[in-house]
Amino acid sequence: MNMTGHIAGITETPLVKEGREQAKIAGKKAIKLGIDLIVTSPLSRALETAQIIAKEINYPVDKIHTSRLLLERDFGSAEGHPYAPDLDLDGFSDIEALNTLIERAHLSVRWIDSLPGNTVLVVGHGSFGRALRSVLTDHAFSNAEKIQNTEFLLWRA
């Protein structure tokens, strides 16, 4: 749906060929990061991305942790609609509230902190990634800002 400019949200969509290629490149870049834990959204496009990266860095695929906390923002009935920067998301009453998304990001940090691992790769989605970054840094959440596919955002406690 991203390839056609439609809002995917929590709609289950497959990872496309370009996404697989981007994941392989990301994996090659990730080798030098010393990742000792991979966590991901359970949506197949994120899970497959995590698995591809894991193979590239020789991380055991069966050791990848999934959590619904890392799901993309639920865009409700807006899912499947064409995306436009000026789309009025407030016009849809069933979209996951921004404060709920940010609270989920807080909960995900606590969950990740409870897991064994010092250098954690989080594989997720754009809106959730922006919410997570806003929790981990003083970077304010922006719905308009785009995180590029397979972009690495490093955070150190």
C-alpha atoms as a PDB file:
ATOM      1  CA  MET A   1       0.000   0.000   0.000  1.00  0.00           C
ATOM      2  CA  ASN A   2       2.926   2.329   0.649  1.00  0.00           C
ATOM      3  CA  MET A   3       4.099   1.761  -2.928  1.00  0.00           C
ATOM      4  CA  THR A   4       0.752   2.993  -4.247  1.00  0.00           C
ATOM      5  CA  GLY A   5       0.517   5.905  -1.803  1.00  0.00           C
ATOM      6  CA  HIS A   6      -2.221   4.435   0.386  1.00  0.00           C
ATOM      7  CA  ILE A   7      -2.355   4.378   4.174  1.00  0.00           C
ATOM      8  CA  ALA A   8      -1.473   0.881   5.405  1.00  0.00           C
ATOM      9  CA  GLY A   9      -1.473   1.238   9.192  1.00  0.00           C
ATOM     10  CA  ILE A  10      -2.148  -2.130  10.799  1.00  0.00           C
ATOM     11  CA  THR A  11      -3.526  -3.611   7.577  1.00  0.00           C
ATOM     12  CA  GLU A  12      -1.529  -6.749   6.817  1.00  0.00           C
ATOM     13  CA  THR A  13       0.376  -6.124   3.590  1.00  0.00           C
ATOM     14  CA  PRO A  14       3.295  -8.113   2.186  1.00  0.00           C
ATOM     15  CA  LEU A  15       6.839  -6.846   1.967  1.00  0.00           C
ATOM     16  CA  VAL A  16       7.543  -6.036  -1.688  1.00  0.00           C
ATOM     17  CA  LYS A  17      10.705  -6.791  -3.648  1.00  0.00           C
ATOM     18  CA  GLU A  18      12.080  -3.278  -3.068  1.00  0.00           C
ATOM     19  CA  GLY A  19      11.545  -3.717   0.676  1.00  0.00           C
ATOM     20  CA  ARG A  20      13.452  -7.007   0.657  1.00  0.00           C
ATOM     21  CA  GLU A  21      16.327  -5.342  -1.196  1.00  0.00           C
ATOM     22  CA  GLN A  22      16.340  -2.438   1.270  1.00  0.00           C
ATOM     23  CA  ALA A  23      16.374  -4.910   4.186  1.00  0.00           C
ATOM     24  CA  LYS A  24      19.410  -6.710   2.740  1.00  0.00           C
ATOM     25  CA  ILE A  25      21.255  -3.399   2.379  1.00  0.00           C
ATOM     26  CA  ALA A  26      20.262  -2.431   5.929  1.00  0.00           C
ATOM     27  CA  GLY A  27      21.552  -5.782   7.148  1.00  0.00           C
ATOM     28  CA  LYS A  28      24.910  -5.192   5.496  1.00  0.00           C
ATOM     29  CA  LYS A  29      25.104  -1.794   7.228  1.00  0.00           C
ATOM     30  CA  ALA A  30      24.008  -3.309  10.557  1.00  0.00           C
ATOM     31  CA  ILE A  31      26.867  -5.825  10.699  1.00  0.00           C
ATOM     32  CA  LYS A  32      29.175  -3.281  12.318  1.00  0.00           C
ATOM     33  CA  LEU A  33      26.608  -2.224  14.963  1.00  0.00           C
ATOM     34  CA  GLY A  34      27.036  -5.292  17.180  1.00  0.00           C
ATOM     35  CA  ILE A  35      23.323  -5.991  17.497  1.00  0.00           C
ATOM     36  CA  ASP A  36      22.587  -8.556  20.183  1.00  0.00           C
ATOM     37  CA  LEU A  37      18.769  -8.381  20.158  1.00  0.00           C
ATOM     38  CA  ILE A  38      16.178  -7.838  17.433  1.00  0.00           C
ATOM     39  CA  VAL A  39      12.591  -6.866  18.244  1.00  0.00           C
ATOM     40  CA  THR A  40       9.858  -6.260  15.718  1.00  0.00           C
ATOM     41  CA  SER A  41       6.218  -5.616  15.045  1.00  0.00           C
ATOM     42  CA  PRO A  42       4.359  -8.855  14.278  1.00  0.00           C
ATOM     43  CA  LEU A  43       3.036  -7.465  10.973  1.00  0.00           C
ATOM     44  CA  SER A  44       4.505  -9.626   8.219  1.00  0.00           C
ATOM     45  CA  ARG A  45       6.229  -6.761   6.409  1.00  0.00           C
ATOM     46  CA  ALA A  46       8.177  -5.823   9.558  1.00  0.00           C
ATOM     47  CA  LEU A  47       8.811  -9.426  10.627  1.00  0.00           C
ATOM     48  CA  GLU A  48      10.180 -10.350   7.203  1.00  0.00           C
ATOM     49  CA  THR A  49      12.396  -7.246   7.251  1.00  0.00           C
ATOM     50  CA  ALA A  50      13.730  -8.296  10.665  1.00  0.00           C
ATOM     51  CA  GLN A  51      14.370 -11.830   9.411  1.00  0.00           C
ATOM     52  CA  ILE A  52      16.288 -10.594   6.361  1.00  0.00           C
ATOM     53  CA  ILE A  53      18.436  -8.302   8.499  1.00  0.00           C
ATOM     54  CA  ALA A  54      18.995 -11.123  11.004  1.00  0.00           C
ATOM     55  CA  LYS A  55      20.306 -13.403   8.259  1.00  0.00           C
ATOM     56  CA  GLU A  56      22.650 -10.684   7.009  1.00  0.00           C
ATOM     57  CA  ILE A  57      24.163 -10.169  10.477  1.00  0.00           C
ATOM     58  CA  ASN A  58      24.150 -13.869  11.427  1.00  0.00           C
ATOM     59  CA  TYR A  59      21.576 -13.347  14.170  1.00  0.00           C
ATOM     60  CA  PRO A  60      19.403 -16.401  14.928  1.00  0.00           C
ATOM     61  CA  VAL A  61      16.029 -15.799  13.256  1.00  0.00           C
ATOM     62  CA  ASP A  62      14.286 -17.842  15.953  1.00  0.00           C
ATOM     63  CA  LYS A  63      15.561 -15.376  18.606  1.00  0.00           C
ATOM     64  CA  ILE A  64      13.676 -12.386  17.115  1.00  0.00           C
ATOM     65  CA  HIS A  65      11.149 -11.043  19.631  1.00  0.00           C
ATOM     66  CA  THR A  66       7.790  -9.732  18.409  1.00  0.00           C
ATOM     67  CA  SER A  67       5.360  -7.495  20.228  1.00  0.00           C
ATOM     68  CA  ARG A  68       2.067  -5.873  19.370  1.00  0.00           C
ATOM     69  CA  LEU A  69       3.410  -2.807  21.182  1.00  0.00           C
ATOM     70  CA  LEU A  70       5.518  -2.166  18.059  1.00  0.00           C
ATOM     71  CA  LEU A  71       2.583  -2.221  15.627  1.00  0.00           C
ATOM     72  CA  GLU A  72       2.047   0.703  13.300  1.00  0.00           C
ATOM     73  CA  ARG A  73      -0.521   3.289  14.318  1.00  0.00           C
ATOM     74  CA  ASP A  74      -4.062   2.051  13.768  1.00  0.00           C
ATOM     75  CA  PHE A  75      -5.505   4.413  11.188  1.00  0.00           C
ATOM     76  CA  GLY A  76      -8.965   2.836  11.385  1.00  0.00           C
ATOM     77  CA  SER A  77     -11.217   3.561   8.421  1.00  0.00           C
ATOM     78  CA  ALA A  78      -8.500   5.800   6.894  1.00  0.00           C
ATOM     79  CA  GLU A  79      -6.508   2.655   6.058  1.00  0.00           C
ATOM     80  CA  GLY A  80      -6.613   2.040   2.337  1.00  0.00           C
ATOM     81  CA  HIS A  81      -7.295   5.714   1.576  1.00  0.00           C
ATOM     82  CA  PRO A  82      -4.792   7.591  -0.580  1.00  0.00           C
ATOM     83  CA  TYR A  83      -2.263   9.449   1.544  1.00  0.00           C
ATOM     84  CA  ALA A  84      -1.833  13.184   1.075  1.00  0.00           C
ATOM     85  CA  PRO A  85       0.220  15.489   3.336  1.00  0.00           C
ATOM     86  CA  ASP A  86      -2.862  17.640   3.909  1.00  0.00           C
ATOM     87  CA  LEU A  87      -5.184  14.707   4.681  1.00  0.00           C
ATOM     88  CA  ASP A  88      -7.303  15.637   7.699  1.00  0.00           C
ATOM     89  CA  LEU A  89      -6.811  12.628   9.964  1.00  0.00           C
ATOM     90  CA  ASP A  90      -9.080  14.278  12.519  1.00  0.00           C
ATOM     91  CA  GLY A  91     -11.906  13.643  10.074  1.00  0.00           C
ATOM     92  CA  PHE A  92     -11.702   9.930  10.905  1.00  0.00           C
ATOM     93  CA  SER A  93     -13.114   9.142  14.344  1.00  0.00           C
ATOM     94  CA  ASP A  94     -11.604   5.669  14.702  1.00  0.00           C
ATOM     95  CA  ILE A  95      -7.886   6.476  14.358  1.00  0.00           C
ATOM     96  CA  GLU A  96      -5.640   5.525  17.274  1.00  0.00           C
ATOM     97  CA  ALA A  97      -5.211   8.673  19.326  1.00  0.00           C
ATOM     98  CA  LEU A  98      -1.779  10.269  19.268  1.00  0.00           C
ATOM     99  CA  ASN A  99      -1.463  10.110  23.063  1.00  0.00           C
ATOM    100  CA  THR A 100      -2.286   6.371  22.924  1.00  0.00           C
ATOM    101  CA  LEU A 101       0.411   5.837  20.285  1.00  0.00           C
ATOM    102  CA  ILE A 102       2.990   7.694  22.374  1.00  0.00           C
ATOM    103  CA  GLU A 103       1.976   5.755  25.507  1.00  0.00           C
ATOM    104  CA  ARG A 104       2.492   2.539  23.512  1.00  0.00           C
ATOM    105  CA  ALA A 105       5.976   3.796  22.622  1.00  0.00           C
ATOM    106  CA  HIS A 106       6.680   4.356  26.342  1.00  0.00           C
ATOM    107  CA  LEU A 107       5.453   0.835  27.116  1.00  0.00           C
ATOM    108  CA  SER A 108       7.622  -0.600  24.344  1.00  0.00           C
ATOM    109  CA  VAL A 109      10.732   1.040  25.834  1.00  0.00           C
ATOM    110  CA  ARG A 110       9.943  -0.551  29.209  1.00  0.00           C
ATOM    111  CA  TRP A 111       9.370  -3.921  27.508  1.00  0.00           C
ATOM    112  CA  ILE A 112      12.638  -3.688  25.544  1.00  0.00           C
ATOM    113  CA  ASP A 113      14.510  -2.684  28.707  1.00  0.00           C
ATOM    114  CA  SER A 114      13.235  -5.885  30.358  1.00  0.00           C
ATOM    115  CA  LEU A 115      14.810  -8.058  27.659  1.00  0.00           C
ATOM    116  CA  PRO A 116      18.405  -9.277  27.606  1.00  0.00           C
ATOM    117  CA  GLY A 117      20.447  -7.247  25.162  1.00  0.00           C
ATOM    118  CA  ASN A 118      22.510  -4.105  25.053  1.00  0.00           C
ATOM    119  CA  THR A 119      22.361  -3.192  21.375  1.00  0.00           C
ATOM    120  CA  VAL A 120      18.785  -3.614  20.213  1.00  0.00           C
ATOM    121  CA  LEU A 121      17.484  -3.322  16.672  1.00  0.00           C
ATOM    122  CA  VAL A 122      13.825  -2.278  16.595  1.00  0.00           C
ATOM    123  CA  VAL A 123      12.101  -3.049  13.299  1.00  0.00           C
ATOM    124  CA  GLY A 124       8.818  -1.243  12.981  1.00  0.00           C
ATOM    125  CA  HIS A 125       6.832   1.310  11.082  1.00  0.00           C
ATOM    126  CA  GLY A 126       6.840   5.026  10.293  1.00  0.00           C
ATOM    127  CA  SER A 127       4.309   6.520  12.703  1.00  0.00           C
ATOM    128  CA  PHE A 128       5.342   4.207  15.508  1.00  0.00           C
ATOM    129  CA  GLY A 129       9.004   4.961  14.768  1.00  0.00           C
ATOM    130  CA  ARG A 130       8.370   8.703  15.087  1.00  0.00           C
ATOM    131  CA  ALA A 131       6.524   8.133  18.379  1.00  0.00           C
ATOM    132  CA  LEU A 132       9.370   5.958  19.682  1.00  0.00           C
ATOM    133  CA  ARG A 133      11.953   8.560  18.688  1.00  0.00           C
ATOM    134  CA  SER A 134       9.933  11.257  20.488  1.00  0.00           C
ATOM    135  CA  VAL A 135      10.004   9.122  23.646  1.00  0.00           C
ATOM    136  CA  LEU A 136      13.736   8.343  23.473  1.00  0.00           C
ATOM    137  CA  THR A 137      14.905  11.848  22.596  1.00  0.00           C
ATOM    138  CA  ASP A 138      13.721  15.398  22.969  1.00  0.00           C
ATOM    139  CA  HIS A 139      12.684  15.280  19.309  1.00  0.00           C
ATOM    140  CA  ALA A 140       9.006  16.286  19.219  1.00  0.00           C
ATOM    141  CA  PHE A 141       6.579  13.934  17.470  1.00  0.00           C
ATOM    142  CA  SER A 142       5.705  15.071  13.977  1.00  0.00           C
ATOM    143  CA  ASN A 143       3.149  13.274  11.853  1.00  0.00           C
ATOM    144  CA  ALA A 144       4.458  15.022   8.730  1.00  0.00           C
ATOM    145  CA  GLU A 145       8.091  13.962   9.182  1.00  0.00           C
ATOM    146  CA  LYS A 146       9.088  10.876   7.221  1.00  0.00           C
ATOM    147  CA  ILE A 147      11.414   8.162   8.433  1.00  0.00           C
ATOM    148  CA  GLN A 148      12.950   6.511   5.400  1.00  0.00           C
ATOM    149  CA  ASN A 149      12.536   2.766   4.917  1.00  0.00           C
ATOM    150  CA  THR A 150      15.369   0.864   6.614  1.00  0.00           C
ATOM    151  CA  GLU A 151      16.712   4.033   8.211  1.00  0.00           C
ATOM    152  CA  PHE A 152      18.878   3.525  11.292  1.00  0.00           C
ATOM    153  CA  LEU A 153      18.229   5.887  14.150  1.00  0.00           C
ATOM    154  CA  LEU A 154      20.793   5.233  16.886  1.00  0.00           C
ATOM    155  CA  TRP A 155      19.946   6.026  20.489  1.00  0.00           C
ATOM    156  CA  ARG A 156      22.171   5.474  23.441  1.00  0.00           C
ATOM    157  CA  ALA A 157      20.962   5.590  27.065  1.00  0.00           C
END
